[in-house]
Structures are given as structure tokens and as C-alpha cells.
Amino acid sequence: RLSFLQGYGHTTPLSDGGKAFSIVFALLGVPFTMLVLTASVQRLMHQLTYRTVAMCQRKPGLEQRTAATVHFIVMLALSMVIFFVIPAVIFTAIEETWSYLDSFYFCFISLCTIGLGDYVPGEQPDQKLRSFYKIAVMVYLFLGLMGMFLLLRTFHKLADLYGLTSFFHLPHCEEDEDEEPIVNAIQDSSNETDKVARKPLDVNSQVSYSSINR
């Protein structure tokens, strides 16, 4: 969980070698995790935000601001249900000593990357399927961070439409993301390079020896 930015603190290295490994692992794992999250959220923005807002503008005939506002409210409600309400119910059923408020508190603290460590799932002595449970929690945390990042990016685009970023002198959301994702841009550039490399040479374009000045 070092690379997920939570760091609950219930498991800590004691030896000097373990501390050094944790530093190196965090230096490599955190940027890689952020890169994967950024690339994934950028692709999801095109599928779940830009296309959805465009559909709301075309079919119901809503204005851009109205469509973006409705889309953000719906996404906020779905995120609350998917990443907080339902997981809190599951944690309450699995963790015998947790109340629903404790479970909701754990979900909020974890997905906000605070990770206080006062509530850690899977630490009961008689926990069944502990390994599978831990892996499931890691998957939930990764998907939850992706959902929170997607929600923040959507709110950032909404703030651009209402002029809040200019009012508070905040950076605007990147305009190049509206046109093409990172992954598609890399693939297109590689395809163009392959086409240029495979293009046959023109015989007329080659320099003949007779044209060289002697």
C-alpha cells in the first residue's frame, strides 16, 4: 500500500535493509501508480465524461453547462453509492467489530489517501480467507482512487465551464486531453513511424552517380 499513498502504519519495517527497500520501492511505485491512474482516468474521461455530456447536449438539447452539471451530479451520486455506501455495508458484514459508521469512515479515510491506520481490514485473528480478502481490499482501493481521480477531473472541467478556475487563478484543465488520449497518441505516432519506415523508396528520388559533380 506504499504505492497507493495510504500507508496505514500497522505494518512497518524494523531493519535498516527493510527501511531502505521501502524508500526505493516508494520512489518507484508511487510515480508508476500515478502514471497508471492518470492514463486510465484520461481514457475514462473520453468514455464517461466527454461523450456523455455530448449526448446530453444532442438528444435532450441541453446547454453545455447544464449538461455538464447534471452529469457531475449523477457521477457524484454513483460514486458515493459504488465506492462508499456499498463497500461500507460489505465491511460491516465482514468485520465483526466495525459499525457502519466505522466502515464508512474507513472508506473515506482510505480513498482520501489519508490512511490513519486506526481501522485496518483483515486483522482479526480468526479471519477467513485472509489472503483473498486482502487482495480484494487492494483492488477496491485502486478502483476507488481511480474513481475519485475521475470525479475530480470531471469537477475540474465543470469549473472551467463556469469560469471558477479563472476567478481563483487556478490552472485550466488541459485542452489537449479533449482531443486525444495519451495512449492513442502514442499508438498513432508509432503507426506513422512504421508507415514511414515501410514506405518503398522512389526510384526517381534516388541520386544517380551521373548527377554528381566531378
Protein backbone atom coordinates (compact mmCIF):
# COMPACT_ATOMS: atom_id res chain seq x y z
CA ARG A 1 0.00 0.00 0.00
CA LEU A 2 3.00 2.28 -0.14
CA SER A 3 2.37 2.89 -3.83
CA PHE A 4 -1.36 3.54 -3.17
CA LEU A 5 -0.43 6.56 -0.98
CA GLN A 6 -2.39 5.36 2.08
CA GLY A 7 0.30 3.95 4.39
CA TYR A 8 -1.82 2.83 7.34
CA GLY A 9 1.22 2.20 9.53
CA HIS A 10 0.08 -1.10 11.06
CA THR A 11 2.94 -2.92 9.29
CA THR A 12 6.27 -1.12 9.36
CA PRO A 13 9.86 -2.21 8.54
CA LEU A 14 12.15 -2.63 11.54
CA SER A 15 15.54 -3.43 10.00
CA ASP A 16 17.72 -0.94 8.14
CA GLY A 17 17.51 -3.04 4.99
CA GLY A 18 13.72 -3.10 5.15
CA LYS A 19 13.58 0.68 5.58
CA ALA A 20 15.93 1.21 2.64
CA PHE A 21 13.86 -1.14 0.47
CA SER A 22 10.67 0.71 1.45
CA ILE A 23 12.22 4.01 0.34
CA VAL A 24 13.33 2.61 -3.03
CA PHE A 25 10.01 0.83 -3.54
CA ALA A 26 8.05 4.01 -2.77
CA LEU A 27 10.21 6.09 -5.10
CA LEU A 28 9.45 3.69 -7.95
CA GLY A 29 5.96 2.56 -7.02
CA VAL A 30 4.29 5.92 -6.35
CA PRO A 31 5.19 7.51 -9.74
CA PHE A 32 4.23 4.31 -11.56
CA THR A 33 0.88 4.18 -9.76
CA MET A 34 0.19 7.82 -10.56
CA LEU A 35 1.12 7.22 -14.20
CA VAL A 36 -1.29 4.27 -14.45
CA LEU A 37 -4.05 6.26 -12.73
CA THR A 38 -3.53 9.26 -14.99
CA ALA A 39 -3.57 7.19 -18.19
CA SER A 40 -6.62 5.21 -17.05
CA VAL A 41 -8.58 8.29 -15.95
CA GLN A 42 -7.72 10.12 -19.16
CA ARG A 43 -9.18 7.28 -21.21
CA LEU A 44 -12.23 7.06 -18.93
CA MET A 45 -12.80 10.82 -19.29
CA HIS A 46 -13.41 10.35 -23.01
CA GLN A 47 -15.76 7.43 -22.46
CA LEU A 48 -17.70 8.56 -19.38
CA THR A 49 -17.49 12.35 -19.42
CA TYR A 50 -16.96 13.92 -22.84
CA ARG A 51 -19.17 11.51 -24.77
CA THR A 52 -21.88 11.52 -22.09
CA VAL A 53 -22.02 15.32 -21.94
CA ALA A 54 -22.09 15.47 -25.74
CA MET A 55 -25.00 13.01 -25.81
CA CYS A 56 -26.88 15.10 -23.25
CA GLN A 57 -26.37 18.14 -25.47
CA ARG A 58 -27.56 16.39 -28.64
CA LYS A 59 -30.56 14.32 -27.55
CA PRO A 60 -32.27 16.30 -24.73
CA GLY A 61 -30.98 19.55 -26.21
CA LEU A 62 -29.35 20.80 -23.01
CA GLU A 63 -26.82 23.57 -22.90
CA GLN A 64 -23.20 22.66 -22.24
CA ARG A 65 -23.17 23.99 -18.68
CA THR A 66 -26.47 22.34 -17.82
CA ALA A 67 -25.42 19.02 -19.34
CA ALA A 68 -22.07 19.10 -17.52
CA THR A 69 -23.77 19.96 -14.21
CA VAL A 70 -26.32 17.15 -14.50
CA HIS A 71 -23.58 14.72 -15.49
CA PHE A 72 -21.43 15.70 -12.50
CA ILE A 73 -24.32 15.34 -10.04
CA VAL A 74 -25.15 11.88 -11.40
CA MET A 75 -21.49 10.84 -11.30
CA LEU A 76 -21.15 12.14 -7.73
CA ALA A 77 -24.19 10.16 -6.60
CA LEU A 78 -22.99 6.98 -8.32
CA SER A 79 -19.51 7.37 -6.83
CA MET A 80 -20.96 7.74 -3.34
CA VAL A 81 -23.03 4.57 -3.76
CA ILE A 82 -20.37 2.46 -5.51
CA PHE A 83 -17.29 3.46 -3.51
CA PHE A 84 -18.71 4.37 -0.08
CA VAL A 85 -22.22 3.10 0.68
CA ILE A 86 -21.98 -0.43 -0.74
CA PRO A 87 -18.37 -1.12 0.44
CA ALA A 88 -19.31 0.14 3.91
CA VAL A 89 -22.13 -2.41 4.04
CA ILE A 90 -19.73 -5.17 2.97
CA PHE A 91 -17.08 -4.20 5.52
CA THR A 92 -19.74 -4.07 8.25
CA ALA A 93 -20.81 -7.61 7.40
CA ILE A 94 -17.22 -8.97 7.30
CA GLU A 95 -15.61 -7.04 10.16
CA GLU A 96 -17.47 -8.06 13.29
CA THR A 97 -16.17 -5.21 15.45
CA TRP A 98 -16.94 -2.46 12.93
CA SER A 99 -20.14 -0.47 12.85
CA TYR A 100 -21.48 1.03 9.65
CA LEU A 101 -20.03 4.40 10.62
CA ASP A 102 -16.62 2.78 11.21
CA SER A 103 -16.77 1.13 7.78
CA PHE A 104 -17.84 4.34 6.05
CA TYR A 105 -15.10 6.18 7.92
CA PHE A 106 -12.51 3.64 6.71
CA CYS A 107 -13.66 4.03 3.09
CA PHE A 108 -13.50 7.80 3.29
CA ILE A 109 -10.10 7.94 5.01
CA SER A 110 -8.63 5.39 2.58
CA LEU A 111 -9.91 6.92 -0.66
CA CYS A 112 -8.81 10.37 0.50
CA THR A 113 -5.27 8.85 0.78
CA ILE A 114 -5.07 9.83 4.46
CA GLY A 115 -4.75 6.31 5.86
CA LEU A 116 -4.62 6.91 9.62
CA GLY A 117 -4.34 3.20 10.38
CA ASP A 118 -6.87 3.12 13.22
CA TYR A 119 -9.09 0.80 11.13
CA VAL A 120 -7.42 -1.88 9.02
CA PRO A 121 -9.45 -4.69 7.40
CA GLY A 122 -8.44 -8.32 7.70
CA GLU A 123 -6.66 -8.08 11.05
CA GLN A 124 -8.94 -10.36 13.05
CA PRO A 125 -7.24 -13.49 14.46
CA ASP A 126 -9.83 -15.89 13.01
CA GLN A 127 -10.24 -14.07 9.69
CA LYS A 128 -11.41 -16.44 6.94
CA LEU A 129 -9.74 -16.27 3.54
CA ARG A 130 -7.40 -13.56 4.75
CA SER A 131 -5.21 -13.52 1.62
CA PHE A 132 -8.15 -13.26 -0.76
CA TYR A 133 -9.72 -10.60 1.45
CA LYS A 134 -6.54 -8.51 1.43
CA ILE A 135 -6.26 -8.72 -2.36
CA ALA A 136 -9.92 -7.72 -2.73
CA VAL A 137 -9.32 -4.69 -0.49
CA MET A 138 -6.31 -3.69 -2.62
CA VAL A 139 -8.39 -3.92 -5.80
CA TYR A 140 -11.11 -1.83 -4.14
CA LEU A 141 -8.59 0.83 -3.12
CA PHE A 142 -7.12 1.04 -6.62
CA LEU A 143 -10.52 1.29 -8.30
CA GLY A 144 -11.68 3.73 -5.64
CA LEU A 145 -8.68 6.00 -6.22
CA MET A 146 -9.36 5.86 -9.94
CA GLY A 147 -13.00 6.81 -9.32
CA MET A 148 -12.04 9.72 -7.05
CA PHE A 149 -9.50 10.97 -9.58
CA LEU A 150 -12.09 10.74 -12.35
CA LEU A 151 -14.58 12.67 -10.21
CA LEU A 152 -12.02 15.40 -9.51
CA ARG A 153 -11.15 15.72 -13.19
CA THR A 154 -14.84 15.98 -14.07
CA PHE A 155 -15.31 18.70 -11.45
CA HIS A 156 -12.25 20.48 -12.85
CA LYS A 157 -13.82 20.56 -16.32
CA LEU A 158 -17.09 21.80 -14.81
CA ALA A 159 -15.23 24.57 -13.00
CA ASP A 160 -13.67 25.59 -16.32
CA LEU A 161 -17.13 25.94 -17.89
CA TYR A 162 -18.33 28.18 -15.06
CA GLY A 163 -15.14 30.24 -15.03
CA LEU A 164 -14.18 29.28 -11.48
CA THR A 165 -10.62 28.39 -12.42
CA SER A 166 -10.08 31.82 -13.95
CA PHE A 167 -11.74 33.53 -11.00
CA PHE A 168 -9.47 31.81 -8.46
CA HIS A 169 -6.46 31.95 -10.81
CA LEU A 170 -6.19 28.16 -10.96
CA PRO A 171 -4.73 26.20 -13.88
CA HIS A 172 -7.20 25.15 -16.52
CA CYS A 173 -7.82 21.55 -17.40
CA GLU A 174 -5.57 20.51 -20.28
CA GLU A 175 -7.24 21.19 -23.60
CA ASP A 176 -5.27 18.52 -25.46
CA GLU A 177 -6.99 15.85 -23.39
CA ASP A 178 -10.28 16.73 -25.09
CA GLU A 179 -8.92 15.69 -28.44
CA GLU A 180 -6.90 12.55 -27.98
CA PRO A 181 -5.83 10.33 -25.07
CA ILE A 182 -2.19 9.67 -24.26
CA VAL A 183 -2.37 6.01 -25.24
CA ASN A 184 -3.99 6.74 -28.61
CA ALA A 185 -1.48 9.47 -29.35
CA ILE A 186 1.41 7.12 -28.64
CA GLN A 187 -0.12 4.40 -30.81
CA ASP A 188 -0.82 6.80 -33.68
CA SER A 189 2.71 8.18 -33.60
CA SER A 190 4.16 4.67 -33.61
CA ASN A 191 1.90 3.69 -36.52
CA GLU A 192 3.01 6.73 -38.52
CA THR A 193 6.63 5.85 -37.84
CA ASP A 194 6.04 2.31 -39.06
CA LYS A 195 4.34 3.59 -42.23
CA VAL A 196 7.26 5.87 -42.99
CA ALA A 197 9.73 3.07 -42.38
CA ARG A 198 7.82 0.65 -44.63
CA LYS A 199 7.24 3.15 -47.45
CA PRO A 200 9.08 1.99 -50.57
CA LEU A 201 11.73 4.26 -51.96
CA ASP A 202 11.02 6.13 -55.16
CA VAL A 203 13.50 5.36 -57.91
CA ASN A 204 13.35 8.91 -59.24
CA SER A 205 14.15 10.31 -55.79
CA GLN A 206 17.48 8.48 -55.60
CA VAL A 207 20.59 10.42 -56.56
CA SER A 208 22.37 8.93 -59.56
CA TYR A 209 26.14 8.91 -59.95
CA SER A 210 25.89 10.81 -63.19
CA SER A 211 24.40 13.82 -61.44
CA ILE A 212 27.34 14.19 -59.06
CA ASN A 213 29.73 16.99 -59.96
CA ARG A 214 33.22 15.74 -60.67
